[in-house]
N, C-alpha and C. Protein backbone atom coordinates (compact mmCIF):
# COMPACT_ATOMS: atom_id res chain seq x y z
N MET A 1 -7.83 -5.22 19.30
CA MET A 1 -7.20 -4.83 18.05
C MET A 1 -8.20 -5.05 16.93
N LEU A 2 -8.30 -4.08 16.02
CA LEU A 2 -9.16 -4.17 14.86
C LEU A 2 -8.37 -4.84 13.74
N ARG A 3 -8.93 -5.90 13.19
CA ARG A 3 -8.28 -6.58 12.07
C ARG A 3 -9.27 -6.62 10.92
N ILE A 4 -8.92 -5.96 9.83
CA ILE A 4 -9.79 -5.91 8.67
C ILE A 4 -9.32 -6.95 7.67
N THR A 5 -10.22 -7.80 7.25
CA THR A 5 -9.84 -8.89 6.33
C THR A 5 -10.63 -8.86 5.04
N ASN A 6 -11.58 -7.97 4.92
CA ASN A 6 -12.43 -7.94 3.72
C ASN A 6 -12.06 -6.79 2.80
N ILE A 7 -10.84 -6.80 2.29
CA ILE A 7 -10.40 -5.76 1.37
C ILE A 7 -10.26 -6.35 -0.02
N SER A 8 -10.36 -5.49 -1.01
CA SER A 8 -10.15 -5.89 -2.40
C SER A 8 -9.01 -5.04 -2.96
N ILE A 9 -8.06 -5.68 -3.60
CA ILE A 9 -6.94 -4.96 -4.22
C ILE A 9 -6.65 -5.57 -5.58
N SER A 10 -6.00 -4.80 -6.41
CA SER A 10 -5.66 -5.28 -7.75
C SER A 10 -4.59 -6.37 -7.66
N ASP A 11 -4.45 -7.13 -8.72
CA ASP A 11 -3.43 -8.18 -8.76
C ASP A 11 -2.04 -7.59 -8.54
N ARG A 12 -1.80 -6.43 -9.17
CA ARG A 12 -0.49 -5.78 -9.02
C ARG A 12 -0.25 -5.38 -7.56
N ALA A 13 -1.28 -4.81 -6.92
CA ALA A 13 -1.14 -4.41 -5.52
C ALA A 13 -0.96 -5.62 -4.62
N ALA A 14 -1.64 -6.72 -4.93
CA ALA A 14 -1.52 -7.93 -4.13
C ALA A 14 -0.08 -8.45 -4.13
N GLU A 15 0.58 -8.37 -5.27
CA GLU A 15 1.98 -8.80 -5.35
C GLU A 15 2.85 -7.94 -4.43
N VAL A 16 2.62 -6.64 -4.43
CA VAL A 16 3.40 -5.73 -3.60
C VAL A 16 3.13 -6.00 -2.12
N VAL A 17 1.85 -6.13 -1.76
CA VAL A 17 1.49 -6.39 -0.36
C VAL A 17 2.11 -7.70 0.11
N ASP A 18 2.02 -8.75 -0.69
CA ASP A 18 2.61 -10.04 -0.32
C ASP A 18 4.11 -9.91 -0.08
N ARG A 19 4.79 -9.16 -0.97
CA ARG A 19 6.24 -9.00 -0.85
C ARG A 19 6.60 -8.23 0.42
N LEU A 20 5.85 -7.17 0.71
CA LEU A 20 6.16 -6.35 1.88
C LEU A 20 5.73 -7.00 3.19
N TRP A 21 4.63 -7.75 3.17
CA TRP A 21 4.12 -8.38 4.39
C TRP A 21 5.15 -9.33 4.99
N VAL A 22 5.84 -10.10 4.17
CA VAL A 22 6.81 -11.07 4.71
C VAL A 22 8.03 -10.38 5.31
N THR A 23 8.28 -9.12 4.95
CA THR A 23 9.43 -8.40 5.52
C THR A 23 9.06 -7.59 6.76
N PHE A 24 7.76 -7.49 7.07
CA PHE A 24 7.31 -6.69 8.20
C PHE A 24 7.64 -7.38 9.51
N ARG A 25 8.43 -6.72 10.34
CA ARG A 25 8.81 -7.23 11.65
C ARG A 25 8.57 -6.13 12.68
N PRO A 26 7.46 -6.21 13.43
CA PRO A 26 7.20 -5.18 14.43
C PRO A 26 8.35 -5.08 15.44
N GLN A 27 8.74 -3.87 15.77
CA GLN A 27 9.84 -3.64 16.70
C GLN A 27 9.34 -3.24 18.09
N GLU A 28 8.19 -2.60 18.12
CA GLU A 28 7.62 -2.11 19.37
C GLU A 28 6.18 -2.58 19.49
N PRO A 29 5.67 -2.75 20.71
CA PRO A 29 4.25 -3.04 20.87
C PRO A 29 3.42 -1.94 20.20
N GLY A 30 2.45 -2.34 19.44
CA GLY A 30 1.61 -1.37 18.76
C GLY A 30 2.02 -1.07 17.34
N ASP A 31 3.18 -1.55 16.88
CA ASP A 31 3.57 -1.36 15.49
C ASP A 31 2.55 -2.08 14.60
N VAL A 32 2.18 -1.45 13.50
CA VAL A 32 1.16 -2.02 12.63
C VAL A 32 1.61 -2.01 11.17
N PHE A 33 1.02 -2.89 10.40
CA PHE A 33 1.18 -2.91 8.95
C PHE A 33 -0.05 -2.22 8.39
N ALA A 34 0.13 -1.11 7.71
CA ALA A 34 -1.01 -0.33 7.23
C ALA A 34 -0.98 -0.19 5.72
N LEU A 35 -2.14 -0.11 5.14
CA LEU A 35 -2.28 0.09 3.70
C LEU A 35 -2.86 1.48 3.46
N ALA A 36 -2.42 2.11 2.40
CA ALA A 36 -2.97 3.41 2.01
C ALA A 36 -3.27 3.37 0.52
N TYR A 37 -4.42 3.87 0.12
CA TYR A 37 -4.78 3.91 -1.29
C TYR A 37 -4.41 5.28 -1.84
N MET A 38 -3.71 5.28 -2.96
CA MET A 38 -3.36 6.54 -3.62
C MET A 38 -4.07 6.57 -4.96
N SER A 39 -5.02 7.49 -5.08
CA SER A 39 -5.78 7.59 -6.32
C SER A 39 -5.02 8.38 -7.38
N SER A 40 -4.05 9.21 -6.94
CA SER A 40 -3.25 9.97 -7.89
C SER A 40 -1.90 10.30 -7.28
N PHE A 41 -0.93 10.54 -8.16
CA PHE A 41 0.41 10.92 -7.74
C PHE A 41 0.95 11.80 -8.86
N THR A 42 1.02 13.09 -8.61
CA THR A 42 1.33 14.03 -9.69
C THR A 42 2.59 14.84 -9.41
N GLU A 43 3.18 15.26 -10.50
CA GLU A 43 4.32 16.17 -10.45
C GLU A 43 3.80 17.59 -10.18
N ALA A 44 4.70 18.52 -9.92
CA ALA A 44 4.32 19.91 -9.64
C ALA A 44 3.54 20.53 -10.81
N ASP A 45 3.81 20.06 -12.03
CA ASP A 45 3.11 20.61 -13.20
C ASP A 45 1.75 19.96 -13.44
N GLY A 46 1.36 19.02 -12.58
CA GLY A 46 0.06 18.36 -12.72
C GLY A 46 0.08 17.06 -13.50
N SER A 47 1.22 16.72 -14.09
CA SER A 47 1.31 15.47 -14.85
C SER A 47 1.49 14.30 -13.89
N THR A 48 1.02 13.13 -14.30
CA THR A 48 1.14 11.93 -13.47
C THR A 48 2.61 11.50 -13.40
N VAL A 49 3.04 11.11 -12.22
CA VAL A 49 4.41 10.63 -12.02
C VAL A 49 4.62 9.39 -12.90
N ASP A 50 5.73 9.35 -13.60
CA ASP A 50 6.05 8.26 -14.52
C ASP A 50 5.97 6.91 -13.82
N GLY A 51 5.19 6.00 -14.37
CA GLY A 51 5.10 4.65 -13.82
C GLY A 51 4.02 4.45 -12.78
N PHE A 52 3.35 5.54 -12.35
CA PHE A 52 2.33 5.41 -11.31
C PHE A 52 1.04 4.85 -11.88
N THR A 53 0.46 3.90 -11.17
CA THR A 53 -0.89 3.42 -11.48
C THR A 53 -1.68 3.41 -10.18
N PRO A 54 -2.93 3.88 -10.21
CA PRO A 54 -3.73 3.92 -8.99
C PRO A 54 -3.87 2.56 -8.34
N GLY A 55 -3.98 2.57 -7.02
CA GLY A 55 -4.20 1.33 -6.28
C GLY A 55 -2.99 0.92 -5.56
């Protein structure tokens, strides 16, 4: 299993990851906790979704 431990995240993202990590309960062998970086999140008109911040 590959375990990556050298990541950098913002303080805001760290709070979210900490909150979600404690609720993660694998149900099947091979279930994983994965992170995805979103650099943008836009509406159909091209405007940024209200409240979105990168990271």
